[in-house]
Amino acid sequence: MLSCKEIAERSSALIDGELSAWNALQIRVHLAMCNGCSRFIAQMRMTDQLTAQVARIDEPLQHEAEDGRFAEILSMLRKDQPRR
């Protein structure tokens, strides 16, 4: 089984869909058993989504997070963003 360190090292590749099916499966098995790594990957995904939205700050808000935290953070960022 992969270690937590290996999960962290491969997290970006997992989120970007760059891993082979076997490597992705190994990570998913680890995530099923490790709450810490599961939360880490969830935070990485939210950060990835937030970064993508900030890059498109002038586009309409897209609610991508199930619990609304993402939309709340993006709204706060938009309030602080100087208008062009």
PDB file of N, CA and C in Angstrom:
ATOM      1  N   MET A   1       0.834  -1.171   0.000  1.00  0.00           N
ATOM      2  CA  MET A   1       0.000   0.000   0.000  1.00  0.00           C
ATOM      3  C   MET A   1       0.888   1.247   0.000  1.00  0.00           C
ATOM      4  N   LEU A   2       0.384   2.297  -0.639  1.00  0.00           N
ATOM      5  CA  LEU A   2       1.125   3.551  -0.700  1.00  0.00           C
ATOM      6  C   LEU A   2       1.142   4.236   0.664  1.00  0.00           C
ATOM      7  N   SER A   3       2.202   4.974   0.923  1.00  0.00           N
ATOM      8  CA  SER A   3       2.298   5.742   2.167  1.00  0.00           C
ATOM      9  C   SER A   3       1.603   7.089   1.986  1.00  0.00           C
ATOM     10  N   CYS A   4       1.357   7.764   3.090  1.00  0.00           N
ATOM     11  CA  CYS A   4       0.754   9.096   3.038  1.00  0.00           C
ATOM     12  C   CYS A   4       1.656  10.064   2.265  1.00  0.00           C
ATOM     13  N   LYS A   5       2.955   9.930   2.429  1.00  0.00           N
ATOM     14  CA  LYS A   5       3.895  10.784   1.700  1.00  0.00           C
ATOM     15  C   LYS A   5       3.764  10.573   0.192  1.00  0.00           C
ATOM     16  N   GLU A   6       3.618   9.323  -0.229  1.00  0.00           N
ATOM     17  CA  GLU A   6       3.454   9.027  -1.657  1.00  0.00           C
ATOM     18  C   GLU A   6       2.137   9.598  -2.192  1.00  0.00           C
ATOM     19  N   ILE A   7       1.105   9.563  -1.363  1.00  0.00           N
ATOM     20  CA  ILE A   7      -0.179  10.140  -1.767  1.00  0.00           C
ATOM     21  C   ILE A   7      -0.011  11.639  -2.000  1.00  0.00           C
ATOM     22  N   ALA A   8       0.646  12.325  -1.066  1.00  0.00           N
ATOM     23  CA  ALA A   8       0.869  13.763  -1.201  1.00  0.00           C
ATOM     24  C   ALA A   8       1.681  14.075  -2.458  1.00  0.00           C
ATOM     25  N   GLU A   9       2.689  13.269  -2.733  1.00  0.00           N
ATOM     26  CA  GLU A   9       3.540  13.492  -3.906  1.00  0.00           C
ATOM     27  C   GLU A   9       2.780  13.308  -5.214  1.00  0.00           C
ATOM     28  N   ARG A  10       1.776  12.444  -5.221  1.00  0.00           N
ATOM     29  CA  ARG A  10       1.026  12.138  -6.445  1.00  0.00           C
ATOM     30  C   ARG A  10      -0.327  12.837  -6.506  1.00  0.00           C
ATOM     31  N   SER A  11      -0.632  13.680  -5.524  1.00  0.00           N
ATOM     32  CA  SER A  11      -1.957  14.289  -5.441  1.00  0.00           C
ATOM     33  C   SER A  11      -2.301  15.139  -6.667  1.00  0.00           C
ATOM     34  N   SER A  12      -1.379  15.952  -7.115  1.00  0.00           N
ATOM     35  CA  SER A  12      -1.659  16.793  -8.284  1.00  0.00           C
ATOM     36  C   SER A  12      -1.912  15.963  -9.529  1.00  0.00           C
ATOM     37  N   ALA A  13      -1.126  14.926  -9.710  1.00  0.00           N
ATOM     38  CA  ALA A  13      -1.319  14.047 -10.869  1.00  0.00           C
ATOM     39  C   ALA A  13      -2.679  13.351 -10.801  1.00  0.00           C
ATOM     40  N   LEU A  14      -3.109  12.974  -9.607  1.00  0.00           N
ATOM     41  CA  LEU A  14      -4.423  12.355  -9.443  1.00  0.00           C
ATOM     42  C   LEU A  14      -5.524  13.335  -9.825  1.00  0.00           C
ATOM     43  N   ILE A  15      -5.460  14.537  -9.291  1.00  0.00           N
ATOM     44  CA  ILE A  15      -6.487  15.545  -9.548  1.00  0.00           C
ATOM     45  C   ILE A  15      -6.518  15.944 -11.021  1.00  0.00           C
ATOM     46  N   ASP A  16      -5.364  15.990 -11.648  1.00  0.00           N
ATOM     47  CA  ASP A  16      -5.285  16.367 -13.056  1.00  0.00           C
ATOM     48  C   ASP A  16      -5.578  15.202 -13.999  1.00  0.00           C
ATOM     49  N   GLY A  17      -5.820  14.016 -13.447  1.00  0.00           N
ATOM     50  CA  GLY A  17      -6.140  12.848 -14.279  1.00  0.00           C
ATOM     51  C   GLY A  17      -4.956  12.326 -15.065  1.00  0.00           C
ATOM     52  N   GLU A  18      -3.760  12.483 -14.529  1.00  0.00           N
ATOM     53  CA  GLU A  18      -2.541  12.101 -15.241  1.00  0.00           C
ATOM     54  C   GLU A  18      -1.992  10.736 -14.846  1.00  0.00           C
ATOM     55  N   LEU A  19      -2.664  10.033 -13.951  1.00  0.00           N
ATOM     56  CA  LEU A  19      -2.169   8.733 -13.487  1.00  0.00           C
ATOM     57  C   LEU A  19      -2.769   7.594 -14.298  1.00  0.00           C
ATOM     58  N   SER A  20      -2.027   6.515 -14.362  1.00  0.00           N
ATOM     59  CA  SER A  20      -2.561   5.319 -14.991  1.00  0.00           C
ATOM     60  C   SER A  20      -3.706   4.787 -14.131  1.00  0.00           C
ATOM     61  N   ALA A  21      -4.508   3.939 -14.704  1.00  0.00           N
ATOM     62  CA  ALA A  21      -5.643   3.369 -13.963  1.00  0.00           C
ATOM     63  C   ALA A  21      -5.155   2.637 -12.718  1.00  0.00           C
ATOM     64  N   TRP A  22      -4.053   1.910 -12.835  1.00  0.00           N
ATOM     65  CA  TRP A  22      -3.519   1.153 -11.699  1.00  0.00           C
ATOM     66  C   TRP A  22      -3.071   2.087 -10.575  1.00  0.00           C
ATOM     67  N   ASN A  23      -2.320   3.137 -10.925  1.00  0.00           N
ATOM     68  CA  ASN A  23      -1.856   4.083  -9.906  1.00  0.00           C
ATOM     69  C   ASN A  23      -3.026   4.817  -9.248  1.00  0.00           C
ATOM     70  N   ALA A  24      -4.012   5.206 -10.034  1.00  0.00           N
ATOM     71  CA  ALA A  24      -5.194   5.876  -9.476  1.00  0.00           C
ATOM     72  C   ALA A  24      -5.943   4.933  -8.532  1.00  0.00           C
ATOM     73  N   LEU A  25      -6.034   3.675  -8.894  1.00  0.00           N
ATOM     74  CA  LEU A  25      -6.698   2.689  -8.036  1.00  0.00           C
ATOM     75  C   LEU A  25      -5.953   2.527  -6.720  1.00  0.00           C
ATOM     76  N   GLN A  26      -4.627   2.472  -6.768  1.00  0.00           N
ATOM     77  CA  GLN A  26      -3.833   2.361  -5.543  1.00  0.00           C
ATOM     78  C   GLN A  26      -4.092   3.545  -4.617  1.00  0.00           C
ATOM     79  N   ILE A  27      -4.182   4.718  -5.186  1.00  0.00           N
ATOM     80  CA  ILE A  27      -4.444   5.906  -4.370  1.00  0.00           C
ATOM     81  C   ILE A  27      -5.848   5.848  -3.793  1.00  0.00           C
ATOM     82  N   ARG A  28      -6.827   5.449  -4.588  1.00  0.00           N
ATOM     83  CA  ARG A  28      -8.207   5.385  -4.106  1.00  0.00           C
ATOM     84  C   ARG A  28      -8.364   4.360  -2.978  1.00  0.00           C
ATOM     85  N   VAL A  29      -7.615   3.271  -3.038  1.00  0.00           N
ATOM     86  CA  VAL A  29      -7.643   2.283  -1.949  1.00  0.00           C
ATOM     87  C   VAL A  29      -7.108   2.927  -0.671  1.00  0.00           C
ATOM     88  N   HIS A  30      -5.999   3.640  -0.793  1.00  0.00           N
ATOM     89  CA  HIS A  30      -5.423   4.318   0.370  1.00  0.00           C
ATOM     90  C   HIS A  30      -6.414   5.340   0.932  1.00  0.00           C
ATOM     91  N   LEU A  31      -7.036   6.133   0.053  1.00  0.00           N
ATOM     92  CA  LEU A  31      -7.974   7.159   0.492  1.00  0.00           C
ATOM     93  C   LEU A  31      -9.180   6.559   1.204  1.00  0.00           C
ATOM     94  N   ALA A  32      -9.575   5.372   0.804  1.00  0.00           N
ATOM     95  CA  ALA A  32     -10.706   4.710   1.456  1.00  0.00           C
ATOM     96  C   ALA A  32     -10.387   4.333   2.896  1.00  0.00           C
ATOM     97  N   MET A  33      -9.111   4.186   3.200  1.00  0.00           N
ATOM     98  CA  MET A  33      -8.700   3.771   4.540  1.00  0.00           C
ATOM     99  C   MET A  33      -8.065   4.880   5.367  1.00  0.00           C
ATOM    100  N   CYS A  34      -7.745   6.006   4.753  1.00  0.00           N
ATOM    101  CA  CYS A  34      -7.006   7.061   5.461  1.00  0.00           C
ATOM    102  C   CYS A  34      -7.788   8.371   5.406  1.00  0.00           C
ATOM    103  N   ASN A  35      -8.392   8.737   6.530  1.00  0.00           N
ATOM    104  CA  ASN A  35      -9.180   9.971   6.586  1.00  0.00           C
ATOM    105  C   ASN A  35      -8.328  11.212   6.361  1.00  0.00           C
ATOM    106  N   GLY A  36      -7.111  11.204   6.862  1.00  0.00           N
ATOM    107  CA  GLY A  36      -6.233  12.361   6.697  1.00  0.00           C
ATOM    108  C   GLY A  36      -5.928  12.643   5.234  1.00  0.00           C
ATOM    109  N   CYS A  37      -5.564  11.613   4.506  1.00  0.00           N
ATOM    110  CA  CYS A  37      -5.255  11.784   3.082  1.00  0.00           C
ATOM    111  C   CYS A  37      -6.517  12.101   2.282  1.00  0.00           C
ATOM    112  N   SER A  38      -7.623  11.521   2.682  1.00  0.00           N
ATOM    113  CA  SER A  38      -8.884  11.795   2.008  1.00  0.00           C
ATOM    114  C   SER A  38      -9.249  13.278   2.142  1.00  0.00           C
ATOM    115  N   ARG A  39      -9.088  13.828   3.339  1.00  0.00           N
ATOM    116  CA  ARG A  39      -9.342  15.254   3.553  1.00  0.00           C
ATOM    117  C   ARG A  39      -8.336  16.109   2.774  1.00  0.00           C
ATOM    118  N   PHE A  40      -7.080  15.676   2.736  1.00  0.00           N
ATOM    119  CA  PHE A  40      -6.055  16.409   2.000  1.00  0.00           C
ATOM    120  C   PHE A  40      -6.414  16.502   0.520  1.00  0.00           C
ATOM    121  N   ILE A  41      -6.819  15.390  -0.079  1.00  0.00           N
ATOM    122  CA  ILE A  41      -7.183  15.379  -1.497  1.00  0.00           C
ATOM    123  C   ILE A  41      -8.420  16.248  -1.734  1.00  0.00           C
ATOM    124  N   ALA A  42      -9.385  16.198  -0.827  1.00  0.00           N
ATOM    125  CA  ALA A  42     -10.582  17.040  -0.951  1.00  0.00           C
ATOM    126  C   ALA A  42     -10.193  18.523  -0.926  1.00  0.00           C
ATOM    127  N   GLN A  43      -9.258  18.890  -0.037  1.00  0.00           N
ATOM    128  CA  GLN A  43      -8.797  20.279   0.028  1.00  0.00           C
ATOM    129  C   GLN A  43      -8.052  20.665  -1.249  1.00  0.00           C
ATOM    130  N   MET A  44      -7.260  19.745  -1.770  1.00  0.00           N
ATOM    131  CA  MET A  44      -6.537  20.008  -3.015  1.00  0.00           C
ATOM    132  C   MET A  44      -7.521  20.237  -4.165  1.00  0.00           C
ATOM    133  N   ARG A  45      -8.566  19.430  -4.223  1.00  0.00           N
ATOM    134  CA  ARG A  45      -9.573  19.598  -5.280  1.00  0.00           C
ATOM    135  C   ARG A  45     -10.280  20.943  -5.153  1.00  0.00           C
ATOM    136  N   MET A  46     -10.621  21.324  -3.932  1.00  0.00           N
ATOM    137  CA  MET A  46     -11.281  22.613  -3.732  1.00  0.00           C
ATOM    138  C   MET A  46     -10.352  23.758  -4.126  1.00  0.00           C
ATOM    139  N   THR A  47      -9.079  23.650  -3.774  1.00  0.00           N
ATOM    140  CA  THR A  47      -8.103  24.667  -4.149  1.00  0.00           C
ATOM    141  C   THR A  47      -7.977  24.759  -5.660  1.00  0.00           C
ATOM    142  N   ASP A  48      -7.971  23.617  -6.328  1.00  0.00           N
ATOM    143  CA  ASP A  48      -7.890  23.584  -7.784  1.00  0.00           C
ATOM    144  C   ASP A  48      -9.102  24.277  -8.407  1.00  0.00           C
ATOM    145  N   GLN A  49     -10.286  23.993  -7.890  1.00  0.00           N
ATOM    146  CA  GLN A  49     -11.508  24.619  -8.396  1.00  0.00           C
ATOM    147  C   GLN A  49     -11.501  26.119  -8.134  1.00  0.00           C
ATOM    148  N   LEU A  50     -11.083  26.509  -6.937  1.00  0.00           N
ATOM    149  CA  LEU A  50     -11.050  27.925  -6.573  1.00  0.00           C
ATOM    150  C   LEU A  50     -10.071  28.678  -7.459  1.00  0.00           C
ATOM    151  N   THR A  51      -8.920  28.106  -7.695  1.00  0.00           N
ATOM    152  CA  THR A  51      -7.919  28.737  -8.561  1.00  0.00           C
ATOM    153  C   THR A  51      -8.468  28.923  -9.965  1.00  0.00           C
ATOM    154  N   ALA A  52      -9.162  27.934 -10.473  1.00  0.00           N
ATOM    155  CA  ALA A  52      -9.756  28.033 -11.807  1.00  0.00           C
ATOM    156  C   ALA A  52     -10.812  29.139 -11.852  1.00  0.00           C
ATOM    157  N   GLN A  53     -11.610  29.258 -10.791  1.00  0.00           N
ATOM    158  CA  GLN A  53     -12.637  30.299 -10.752  1.00  0.00           C
ATOM    159  C   GLN A  53     -12.026  31.688 -10.633  1.00  0.00           C
ATOM    160  N   VAL A  54     -10.993  31.831  -9.819  1.00  0.00           N
ATOM    161  CA  VAL A  54     -10.358  33.138  -9.664  1.00  0.00           C
ATOM    162  C   VAL A  54      -9.759  33.588 -10.994  1.00  0.00           C
ATOM    163  N   ALA A  55      -9.254  32.644 -11.752  1.00  0.00           N
ATOM    164  CA  ALA A  55      -8.700  32.972 -13.064  1.00  0.00           C
ATOM    165  C   ALA A  55      -9.789  33.508 -13.995  1.00  0.00           C
ATOM    166  N   ARG A  56     -11.028  33.107 -13.739  1.00  0.00           N
ATOM    167  CA  ARG A  56     -12.168  33.572 -14.542  1.00  0.00           C
ATOM    168  C   ARG A  56     -13.069  34.468 -13.686  1.00  0.00           C
ATOM    169  N   ILE A  57     -12.475  35.365 -12.932  1.00  0.00           N
ATOM    170  CA  ILE A  57     -13.180  36.146 -11.909  1.00  0.00           C
ATOM    171  C   ILE A  57     -14.347  36.956 -12.470  1.00  0.00           C
ATOM    172  N   ASP A  58     -14.291  37.365 -13.712  1.00  0.00           N
ATOM    173  CA  ASP A  58     -15.363  38.178 -14.279  1.00  0.00           C
ATOM    174  C   ASP A  58     -16.506  37.346 -14.844  1.00  0.00           C
ATOM    175  N   GLU A  59     -16.352  36.040 -14.896  1.00  0.00           N
ATOM    176  CA  GLU A  59     -17.431  35.182 -15.397  1.00  0.00           C
ATOM    177  C   GLU A  59     -18.462  34.971 -14.294  1.00  0.00           C
ATOM    178  N   PRO A  60     -19.680  34.583 -14.651  1.00  0.00           N
ATOM    179  CA  PRO A  60     -20.711  34.332 -13.635  1.00  0.00           C
ATOM    180  C   PRO A  60     -20.276  33.223 -12.671  1.00  0.00           C
ATOM    181  N   LEU A  61     -20.715  33.347 -11.441  1.00  0.00           N
ATOM    182  CA  LEU A  61     -20.393  32.383 -10.391  1.00  0.00           C
ATOM    183  C   LEU A  61     -20.939  31.007 -10.741  1.00  0.00           C
ATOM    184  N   GLN A  62     -20.105  29.993 -10.595  1.00  0.00           N
ATOM    185  CA  GLN A  62     -20.525  28.611 -10.788  1.00  0.00           C
ATOM    186  C   GLN A  62     -20.414  27.909  -9.451  1.00  0.00           C
ATOM    187  N   HIS A  63     -21.497  27.333  -8.985  1.00  0.00           N
ATOM    188  CA  HIS A  63     -21.503  26.650  -7.688  1.00  0.00           C
ATOM    189  C   HIS A  63     -20.963  25.235  -7.879  1.00  0.00           C
ATOM    190  N   GLU A  64     -19.672  25.063  -7.588  1.00  0.00           N
ATOM    191  CA  GLU A  64     -19.010  23.786  -7.804  1.00  0.00           C
ATOM    192  C   GLU A  64     -18.858  22.971  -6.533  1.00  0.00           C
ATOM    193  N   ALA A  65     -19.026  23.575  -5.367  1.00  0.00           N
ATOM    194  CA  ALA A  65     -18.874  22.824  -4.123  1.00  0.00           C
ATOM    195  C   ALA A  65     -20.251  22.432  -3.609  1.00  0.00           C
ATOM    196  N   GLU A  66     -20.352  21.220  -3.119  1.00  0.00           N
ATOM    197  CA  GLU A  66     -21.633  20.713  -2.654  1.00  0.00           C
ATOM    198  C   GLU A  66     -22.150  21.478  -1.450  1.00  0.00           C
ATOM    199  N   ASP A  67     -21.265  21.919  -0.574  1.00  0.00           N
ATOM    200  CA  ASP A  67     -21.707  22.527   0.671  1.00  0.00           C
ATOM    201  C   ASP A  67     -21.704  24.043   0.647  1.00  0.00           C
ATOM    202  N   GLY A  68     -21.399  24.660  -0.458  1.00  0.00           N
ATOM    203  CA  GLY A  68     -21.456  26.103  -0.573  1.00  0.00           C
ATOM    204  C   GLY A  68     -20.220  26.850  -0.091  1.00  0.00           C
ATOM    205  N   ARG A  69     -19.267  26.167   0.528  1.00  0.00           N
ATOM    206  CA  ARG A  69     -18.055  26.853   1.004  1.00  0.00           C
ATOM    207  C   ARG A  69     -17.292  27.482  -0.152  1.00  0.00           C
ATOM    208  N   PHE A  70     -17.244  26.783  -1.257  1.00  0.00           N
ATOM    209  CA  PHE A  70     -16.524  27.278  -2.430  1.00  0.00           C
ATOM    210  C   PHE A  70     -17.142  28.587  -2.914  1.00  0.00           C
ATOM    211  N   ALA A  71     -18.445  28.630  -3.045  1.00  0.00           N
ATOM    212  CA  ALA A  71     -19.128  29.833  -3.500  1.00  0.00           C
ATOM    213  C   ALA A  71     -18.925  30.980  -2.515  1.00  0.00           C
ATOM    214  N   GLU A  72     -18.936  30.681  -1.227  1.00  0.00           N
ATOM    215  CA  GLU A  72     -18.727  31.709  -0.206  1.00  0.00           C
ATOM    216  C   GLU A  72     -17.329  32.312  -0.315  1.00  0.00           C
ATOM    217  N   ILE A  73     -16.318  31.472  -0.468  1.00  0.00           N
ATOM    218  CA  ILE A  73     -14.936  31.949  -0.602  1.00  0.00           C
ATOM    219  C   ILE A  73     -14.783  32.787  -1.858  1.00  0.00           C
ATOM    220  N   LEU A  74     -15.349  32.310  -2.962  1.00  0.00           N
ATOM    221  CA  LEU A  74     -15.245  33.041  -4.222  1.00  0.00           C
ATOM    222  C   LEU A  74     -15.944  34.393  -4.123  1.00  0.00           C
ATOM    223  N   SER A  75     -17.082  34.450  -3.472  1.00  0.00           N
ATOM    224  CA  SER A  75     -17.791  35.717  -3.292  1.00  0.00           C
ATOM    225  C   SER A  75     -16.947  36.700  -2.493  1.00  0.00           C
ATOM    226  N   MET A  76     -16.286  36.210  -1.450  1.00  0.00           N
ATOM    227  CA  MET A  76     -15.424  37.081  -0.651  1.00  0.00           C
ATOM    228  C   MET A  76     -14.262  37.601  -1.489  1.00  0.00           C
ATOM    229  N   LEU A  77     -13.683  36.739  -2.320  1.00  0.00           N
ATOM    230  CA  LEU A  77     -12.578  37.168  -3.174  1.00  0.00           C
ATOM    231  C   LEU A  77     -13.042  38.217  -4.180  1.00  0.00           C
ATOM    232  N   ARG A  78     -14.236  38.025  -4.716  1.00  0.00           N
ATOM    233  CA  ARG A  78     -14.749  38.979  -5.693  1.00  0.00           C
ATOM    234  C   ARG A  78     -14.963  40.348  -5.069  1.00  0.00           C
ATOM    235  N   LYS A  79     -15.383  40.392  -3.819  1.00  0.00           N
ATOM    236  CA  LYS A  79     -15.594  41.681  -3.150  1.00  0.00           C
ATOM    237  C   LYS A  79     -14.286  42.434  -2.993  1.00  0.00           C
ATOM    238  N   ASP A  80     -13.179  41.713  -2.792  1.00  0.00           N
ATOM    239  CA  ASP A  80     -11.863  42.327  -2.606  1.00  0.00           C
ATOM    240  C   ASP A  80     -11.155  42.608  -3.925  1.00  0.00           C
ATOM    241  N   GLN A  81     -11.671  42.079  -5.023  1.00  0.00           N
ATOM    242  CA  GLN A  81     -11.006  42.192  -6.316  1.00  0.00           C
ATOM    243  C   GLN A  81     -11.243  43.584  -6.911  1.00  0.00           C
ATOM    244  N   PRO A  82     -10.178  44.326  -7.230  1.00  0.00           N
ATOM    245  CA  PRO A  82     -10.399  45.631  -7.872  1.00  0.00           C
ATOM    246  C   PRO A  82     -10.977  45.455  -9.275  1.00  0.00           C
ATOM    247  N   ARG A  83     -11.905  46.322  -9.636  1.00  0.00           N
ATOM    248  CA  ARG A  83     -12.533  46.254 -10.961  1.00  0.00           C
ATOM    249  C   ARG A  83     -11.588  46.799 -12.014  1.00  0.00           C
ATOM    250  N   ARG A  84     -11.636  46.182 -13.186  1.00  0.00           N
ATOM    251  CA  ARG A  84     -10.778  46.603 -14.301  1.00  0.00           C
ATOM    252  C   ARG A  84     -11.495  47.569 -15.180  1.00  0.00           C
TER     253      ARG A  84
END
